[in-house]
Amino acid sequence: MKGYVMQLQPFSVNDGEGIRTTIFMAGCPLRCKWCSNPEGFDQKPKTAFYEKLCIGCGLCTTVCHVHNGINLNDPKQREKCDGCGKCADVCPKNAKKRMVVEKEVSEIVEEVKKHRLFYMQSGGGITFSGGETTMQREFLNELSETLYDMGFHLAMETCGYFDFDALKPVLQRMDLIFMDLKHMDSEKHAYLQALAMKRYWKTSNA
């Protein structure tokens, strides 16, 4: 079973009890304007380009099978890019980075097993996040079942936008579920969206 993952973040202390590994899975039914992980809106491989880090060596162009140039921020090049990430693998300055990758359940299990001692000593474990982790239901089901059988403490962060009955087996394995509630008031919701975007642009242009 394969799924699309943005990041495996070890030594996380903000997504549940103790020291954890947070698995950020791609795909989300929402489009919040303040989203901190917009690369995870959909489920497909993606590669980012950080122009400020680029030294213009052109090494990335030698491994690109779609014959793109250096600047992946160019709309025409971005359209051609299939996110394979080969350019990121050879970049000497990390100006290109894999943002969404396809991973096997077994790959993730092997990675989180490395930190098992930290989970045990701190009362931590694994947290599924996103994007919206429930968007990859079959992948989440197999991954959570495998980790559950291994005795890991499991947590899930979700916006609640899912079919409860379809996700019931997954939910029953969770030791902790916390909801990412946006806002109940429509006017305040719109105000906070605008405020978040203002801060985002101020930070990104600094």
Protein backbone atom coordinates (compact mmCIF):
# COMPACT_ATOMS: atom_id res chain seq x y z
CA MET A 1 0.00 0.00 0.00
CA LYS A 2 1.34 3.42 -0.98
CA GLY A 3 0.27 6.90 0.03
CA TYR A 4 1.27 10.52 -0.44
CA VAL A 5 3.20 12.07 2.43
CA MET A 6 4.47 15.60 2.91
CA GLN A 7 6.72 14.98 5.87
CA LEU A 8 7.59 12.64 8.71
CA GLN A 9 8.46 15.01 11.57
CA PRO A 10 10.31 13.25 14.40
CA PHE A 11 10.70 14.68 17.89
CA SER A 12 7.42 16.55 17.65
CA VAL A 13 6.03 17.78 20.99
CA ASN A 14 3.05 19.84 19.84
CA ASP A 15 0.80 17.16 18.34
CA GLY A 16 -0.11 15.01 21.32
CA GLU A 17 1.48 13.73 24.50
CA GLY A 18 5.20 13.12 24.86
CA ILE A 19 7.74 12.93 22.04
CA ARG A 20 6.08 11.91 18.80
CA THR A 21 6.53 11.48 15.08
CA THR A 22 3.92 13.45 13.16
CA ILE A 23 3.03 12.03 9.76
CA PHE A 24 1.77 14.82 7.50
CA MET A 25 -0.35 13.22 4.78
CA ALA A 26 -1.32 14.99 1.56
CA GLY A 27 -4.87 15.76 0.47
CA CYS A 28 -7.48 18.09 1.94
CA PRO A 29 -11.13 18.88 1.11
CA LEU A 30 -10.77 22.45 2.47
CA ARG A 31 -8.94 25.47 1.08
CA CYS A 32 -8.27 27.60 4.15
CA LYS A 33 -6.56 30.82 3.15
CA TRP A 34 -4.19 30.60 6.13
CA CYS A 35 -3.15 27.03 5.42
CA SER A 36 0.47 26.39 6.37
CA ASN A 37 0.72 23.33 4.11
CA PRO A 38 -0.91 24.32 0.78
CA GLU A 39 1.39 21.90 -1.04
CA GLY A 40 -0.76 19.19 0.52
CA PHE A 41 -4.06 20.25 -1.02
CA ASP A 42 -3.97 17.36 -3.48
CA GLN A 43 -2.30 13.98 -3.72
CA LYS A 44 0.56 13.97 -6.18
CA PRO A 45 4.36 14.25 -6.00
CA LYS A 46 5.61 17.84 -5.80
CA THR A 47 9.01 19.52 -5.80
CA ALA A 48 9.63 23.04 -4.51
CA PHE A 49 12.23 25.55 -5.73
CA TYR A 50 13.82 28.09 -3.37
CA GLU A 51 15.35 30.63 -5.71
CA LYS A 52 17.30 32.46 -2.95
CA LEU A 53 19.30 29.29 -2.26
CA CYS A 54 20.09 28.52 -5.89
CA ILE A 55 23.69 29.06 -7.08
CA GLY A 56 22.82 28.43 -10.72
CA CYS A 57 25.04 25.37 -11.14
CA GLY A 58 22.51 23.67 -13.41
CA LEU A 59 23.13 20.21 -11.97
CA CYS A 60 19.38 19.74 -11.57
CA THR A 61 18.84 20.13 -15.32
CA THR A 62 21.11 17.18 -16.08
CA VAL A 63 18.77 14.71 -14.35
CA CYS A 64 15.41 16.18 -15.37
CA HIS A 65 13.58 13.74 -17.65
CA VAL A 66 11.09 16.40 -18.80
CA HIS A 67 13.98 18.73 -19.76
CA ASN A 68 13.09 21.59 -17.42
CA GLY A 69 15.47 24.43 -16.67
CA ILE A 70 16.53 25.62 -13.24
CA ASN A 71 13.59 27.87 -12.37
CA LEU A 72 10.68 25.67 -11.31
CA ASN A 73 8.74 28.78 -10.30
CA ASP A 74 8.27 29.60 -13.97
CA PRO A 75 4.63 28.65 -14.80
CA LYS A 76 5.58 26.74 -17.97
CA GLN A 77 8.23 24.71 -16.17
CA ARG A 78 5.95 24.10 -13.21
CA GLU A 79 3.31 22.73 -15.55
CA LYS A 80 5.79 20.27 -17.07
CA CYS A 81 7.20 19.14 -13.71
CA ASP A 82 5.83 15.81 -12.48
CA GLY A 83 7.42 16.14 -9.05
CA CYS A 84 9.75 13.16 -9.39
CA GLY A 85 12.27 14.92 -7.13
CA LYS A 86 15.43 13.80 -8.93
CA CYS A 87 16.53 17.44 -9.14
CA ALA A 88 16.19 17.78 -5.36
CA ASP A 89 18.35 14.70 -4.83
CA VAL A 90 21.33 16.25 -6.66
CA CYS A 91 20.98 19.91 -5.63
CA PRO A 92 24.09 20.86 -3.56
CA LYS A 93 22.36 23.77 -1.79
CA ASN A 94 18.90 22.25 -1.16
CA ALA A 95 17.37 24.88 -3.44
CA LYS A 96 15.01 22.15 -4.60
CA LYS A 97 13.12 19.98 -2.14
CA ARG A 98 10.67 17.11 -2.32
CA MET A 99 7.42 18.45 -0.85
CA VAL A 100 5.07 15.51 -1.46
CA VAL A 101 6.38 12.00 -1.98
CA GLU A 102 4.82 8.59 -2.45
CA LYS A 103 5.75 6.17 0.34
CA GLU A 104 5.05 2.54 1.17
CA VAL A 105 3.52 1.70 4.53
CA SER A 106 6.62 -0.40 5.24
CA GLU A 107 8.92 2.59 4.62
CA ILE A 108 7.10 4.70 7.19
CA VAL A 109 7.04 1.88 9.73
CA GLU A 110 10.79 1.39 9.43
CA GLU A 111 11.37 5.12 9.90
CA VAL A 112 9.24 5.53 13.03
CA LYS A 113 10.67 2.38 14.62
CA LYS A 114 14.01 4.18 14.93
CA HIS A 115 12.53 6.50 17.57
CA ARG A 116 10.56 3.94 19.55
CA LEU A 117 12.70 4.41 22.67
CA PHE A 118 11.83 8.12 22.78
CA TYR A 119 8.11 7.32 22.54
CA MET A 120 8.33 4.78 25.36
CA GLN A 121 10.30 7.03 27.72
CA SER A 122 8.12 10.12 27.15
CA GLY A 123 4.66 8.57 26.75
CA GLY A 124 4.62 9.65 23.12
CA GLY A 125 3.84 7.93 19.84
CA ILE A 126 2.56 8.64 16.35
CA THR A 127 0.27 11.46 15.22
CA PHE A 128 -1.50 11.43 11.85
CA SER A 129 -1.96 14.92 10.43
CA GLY A 130 -2.05 16.71 7.09
CA GLY A 131 -3.48 18.13 4.94
CA GLU A 132 -6.41 16.05 6.09
CA THR A 133 -5.21 12.57 6.96
CA THR A 134 -8.63 10.96 6.40
CA MET A 135 -8.49 11.81 2.69
CA GLN A 136 -6.30 8.73 2.19
CA ARG A 137 -8.62 6.31 3.91
CA GLU A 138 -7.21 2.98 2.71
CA PHE A 139 -3.61 4.07 3.25
CA LEU A 140 -4.43 5.43 6.71
CA ASN A 141 -6.28 2.23 7.59
CA GLU A 142 -3.36 -0.06 6.73
CA LEU A 143 -0.76 2.23 8.29
CA SER A 144 -2.70 2.72 11.53
CA GLU A 145 -3.47 -1.00 11.77
CA THR A 146 0.21 -1.90 11.41
CA LEU A 147 1.34 0.65 14.00
CA TYR A 148 -1.51 -0.27 16.35
CA ASP A 149 -0.50 -3.93 16.25
CA MET A 150 3.05 -2.86 17.14
CA GLY A 151 1.76 -1.15 20.28
CA PHE A 152 2.34 2.49 19.37
CA HIS A 153 0.25 5.24 21.00
CA LEU A 154 -1.74 6.73 18.10
CA ALA A 155 -3.27 10.18 17.69
CA MET A 156 -5.05 11.96 14.86
CA GLU A 157 -5.56 15.61 14.00
CA THR A 158 -8.56 16.17 11.73
CA CYS A 159 -10.93 18.88 10.53
CA GLY A 160 -13.77 16.36 10.90
CA TYR A 161 -14.65 16.31 7.21
CA PHE A 162 -15.04 12.55 6.75
CA ASP A 163 -17.54 9.69 6.71
CA PHE A 164 -17.66 8.40 10.30
CA ASP A 165 -18.85 4.91 9.41
CA ALA A 166 -16.18 4.46 6.74
CA LEU A 167 -13.44 5.61 9.15
CA LYS A 168 -14.76 3.75 12.21
CA PRO A 169 -12.03 1.03 12.18
CA VAL A 170 -9.34 3.73 12.09
CA LEU A 171 -10.98 5.83 14.80
CA GLN A 172 -11.21 2.84 17.12
CA ARG A 173 -7.42 2.47 17.03
CA MET A 174 -6.80 6.06 18.11
CA ASP A 175 -5.80 6.87 21.69
CA LEU A 176 -6.35 10.58 21.01
CA ILE A 177 -8.34 12.52 18.40
CA PHE A 178 -8.25 16.29 18.30
CA MET A 179 -10.33 18.50 16.04
CA ASP A 180 -9.01 21.42 14.03
CA LEU A 181 -12.09 23.63 14.29
CA LYS A 182 -11.75 26.70 12.05
CA HIS A 183 -14.44 29.07 13.34
CA MET A 184 -18.17 28.93 13.99
CA ASP A 185 -18.82 32.59 13.16
CA SER A 186 -18.74 33.34 9.40
CA GLU A 187 -17.79 37.02 9.80
CA LYS A 188 -15.01 36.32 12.24
CA HIS A 189 -13.88 33.45 10.04
CA ALA A 190 -13.49 35.84 7.08
CA TYR A 191 -11.68 38.40 9.26
CA LEU A 192 -9.21 35.82 10.54
CA GLN A 193 -8.58 34.59 7.00
CA ALA A 194 -7.68 38.12 5.90
CA LEU A 195 -5.50 38.67 8.97
CA ALA A 196 -3.66 35.41 8.44
CA MET A 197 -2.98 36.22 4.79
CA LYS A 198 -1.68 39.69 5.71
CA ARG A 199 0.77 38.14 8.16
CA TYR A 200 1.75 35.49 5.64
CA TRP A 201 2.65 38.00 2.94
CA LYS A 202 4.50 40.20 5.42
CA THR A 203 6.59 37.22 6.52
CA SER A 204 7.19 35.81 3.04
CA ASN A 205 8.32 39.17 1.66
CA ALA A 206 10.61 39.99 4.57
